[in-house]
Amino acid sequence: MKPLGRFFQVTETLDFKKYFLDIDKIQKYPITFVIKSTEPTNDLLKKIRDNASKAYSIKSIVDKYMDCIEEVINIPTLNNRFNDAVKQGYLNDILNEIIIQSKVEFNYEDSEDDEE
């Protein structure tokens, strides 16, 4: 079965084992990693590949995992996308979505939610 949307994983590390484990968990379906870094995304991908290549002598294994990385998003990319969305008038929608997702994550219901 193919998922209906995209998978995102946020991380601060460049430990390839963590990336590969996440890829295994979703059975090698493409995944986007949001990396808390200001380094260029090509540099981040290169570091992940280089470290994985040191651990795995079989290039095809590294290639198979690296091919599952749909996109790498860094902090500058997030800032650019956020600024573009604000310019297009989506700030209130973004803030409302953050509130909704935060309530879900922390299992929070306020009295206003109960009345609706």
Protein backbone atom coordinates (compact mmCIF):
# COMPACT_ATOMS: atom_id res chain seq x y z
CA MET A 1 0.00 0.00 0.00
CA LYS A 2 1.22 3.44 -0.90
CA PRO A 3 0.77 6.26 1.66
CA LEU A 4 -1.50 9.12 0.61
CA GLY A 5 0.92 11.91 1.54
CA ARG A 6 4.54 12.67 2.20
CA PHE A 7 6.62 11.55 5.16
CA PHE A 8 8.62 14.17 7.02
CA GLN A 9 11.18 13.64 9.75
CA VAL A 10 12.81 16.48 11.68
CA THR A 11 16.31 15.93 13.02
CA GLU A 12 19.42 17.72 14.26
CA THR A 13 21.86 14.92 13.58
CA LEU A 14 23.74 13.81 10.49
CA ASP A 15 24.10 10.24 11.78
CA PHE A 16 23.24 8.19 8.70
CA LYS A 17 22.07 5.28 10.91
CA LYS A 18 19.16 7.38 12.16
CA TYR A 19 18.16 8.28 8.59
CA PHE A 20 18.40 4.70 7.40
CA LEU A 21 16.38 3.47 10.40
CA ASP A 22 13.62 5.98 9.60
CA ILE A 23 13.68 4.80 5.97
CA ASP A 24 13.39 1.17 7.12
CA LYS A 25 10.45 2.04 9.39
CA ILE A 26 8.42 3.27 6.43
CA GLN A 27 9.54 0.39 4.25
CA LYS A 28 11.73 2.49 1.99
CA TYR A 29 8.96 4.85 0.90
CA PRO A 30 10.38 8.29 -0.01
CA ILE A 31 10.91 10.56 2.99
CA THR A 32 11.80 14.22 3.41
CA PHE A 33 14.21 15.14 6.18
CA VAL A 34 14.02 18.56 7.78
CA ILE A 35 17.47 19.12 9.22
CA LYS A 36 18.10 21.81 11.80
CA SER A 37 21.15 23.17 10.02
CA THR A 38 22.15 26.18 7.97
CA GLU A 39 24.54 24.12 5.83
CA PRO A 40 23.57 23.81 2.15
CA THR A 41 21.35 20.80 1.50
CA ASN A 42 23.80 19.31 -1.03
CA ASP A 43 26.52 19.38 1.65
CA LEU A 44 24.21 17.68 4.14
CA LEU A 45 23.35 14.91 1.68
CA LYS A 46 27.02 14.44 0.84
CA LYS A 47 27.93 14.05 4.51
CA ILE A 48 25.19 11.46 5.02
CA ARG A 49 26.31 9.51 1.93
CA ASP A 50 30.01 9.74 2.83
CA ASN A 51 29.45 8.46 6.37
CA ALA A 52 27.21 5.65 5.14
CA SER A 53 29.80 4.66 2.51
CA LYS A 54 32.41 4.31 5.23
CA ALA A 55 30.18 1.85 7.10
CA TYR A 56 28.82 -0.10 4.12
CA SER A 57 31.29 -1.45 1.61
CA ILE A 58 28.53 -2.30 -0.86
CA LYS A 59 27.68 0.86 -2.81
CA SER A 60 24.27 -0.44 -3.93
CA ILE A 61 23.07 -0.58 -0.30
CA VAL A 62 23.98 3.07 0.27
CA ASP A 63 22.43 4.03 -3.07
CA LYS A 64 19.20 2.21 -2.23
CA TYR A 65 18.81 4.14 1.02
CA MET A 66 19.92 7.48 -0.41
CA ASP A 67 17.39 7.12 -3.23
CA CYS A 68 14.65 7.04 -0.56
CA ILE A 69 15.51 10.57 0.55
CA GLU A 70 12.94 12.59 -1.37
CA GLU A 71 14.18 15.97 -0.20
CA VAL A 72 16.33 17.61 2.44
CA ILE A 73 15.06 20.86 3.87
CA ASN A 74 17.36 23.08 5.93
CA ILE A 75 16.66 26.20 8.01
CA PRO A 76 17.25 28.67 5.14
CA THR A 77 14.79 26.71 2.98
CA LEU A 78 12.20 26.79 5.78
CA ASN A 79 12.70 30.53 6.20
CA ASN A 80 12.28 31.13 2.46
CA ARG A 81 9.13 29.03 2.26
CA PHE A 82 7.67 30.70 5.34
CA ASN A 83 8.39 34.19 3.99
CA ASP A 84 6.82 33.27 0.63
CA ALA A 85 3.70 31.95 2.38
CA VAL A 86 3.41 35.13 4.46
CA LYS A 87 3.71 37.26 1.30
CA GLN A 88 0.86 35.22 -0.20
CA GLY A 89 -1.35 35.97 2.82
CA TYR A 90 -1.17 32.60 4.60
CA LEU A 91 0.17 33.76 7.99
CA ASN A 92 -3.13 33.31 9.86
CA ASP A 93 -3.67 29.90 8.29
CA ILE A 94 -0.16 28.84 9.28
CA LEU A 95 -0.60 30.04 12.86
CA ASN A 96 -3.99 28.30 13.14
CA GLU A 97 -2.48 25.05 11.83
CA ILE A 98 0.37 25.29 14.36
CA ILE A 99 -2.20 25.69 17.15
CA ILE A 100 -4.24 22.72 15.92
CA GLN A 101 -1.19 20.47 15.56
CA SER A 102 0.12 21.51 18.97
CA LYS A 103 -3.21 20.62 20.58
CA VAL A 104 -3.13 17.22 18.91
CA GLU A 105 0.47 16.59 19.94
CA PHE A 106 -0.16 17.51 23.57
CA ASN A 107 -3.68 16.02 23.72
CA TYR A 108 -5.10 19.40 24.74
CA GLU A 109 -8.73 20.47 24.58
CA ASP A 110 -9.91 23.86 25.74
CA SER A 111 -13.46 24.80 26.74
CA GLU A 112 -14.11 26.45 23.35
CA ASP A 113 -13.41 23.12 21.63
CA ASP A 114 -15.97 21.38 23.84
CA GLU A 115 -18.76 23.82 22.90
CA GLU A 116 -18.46 23.28 19.13
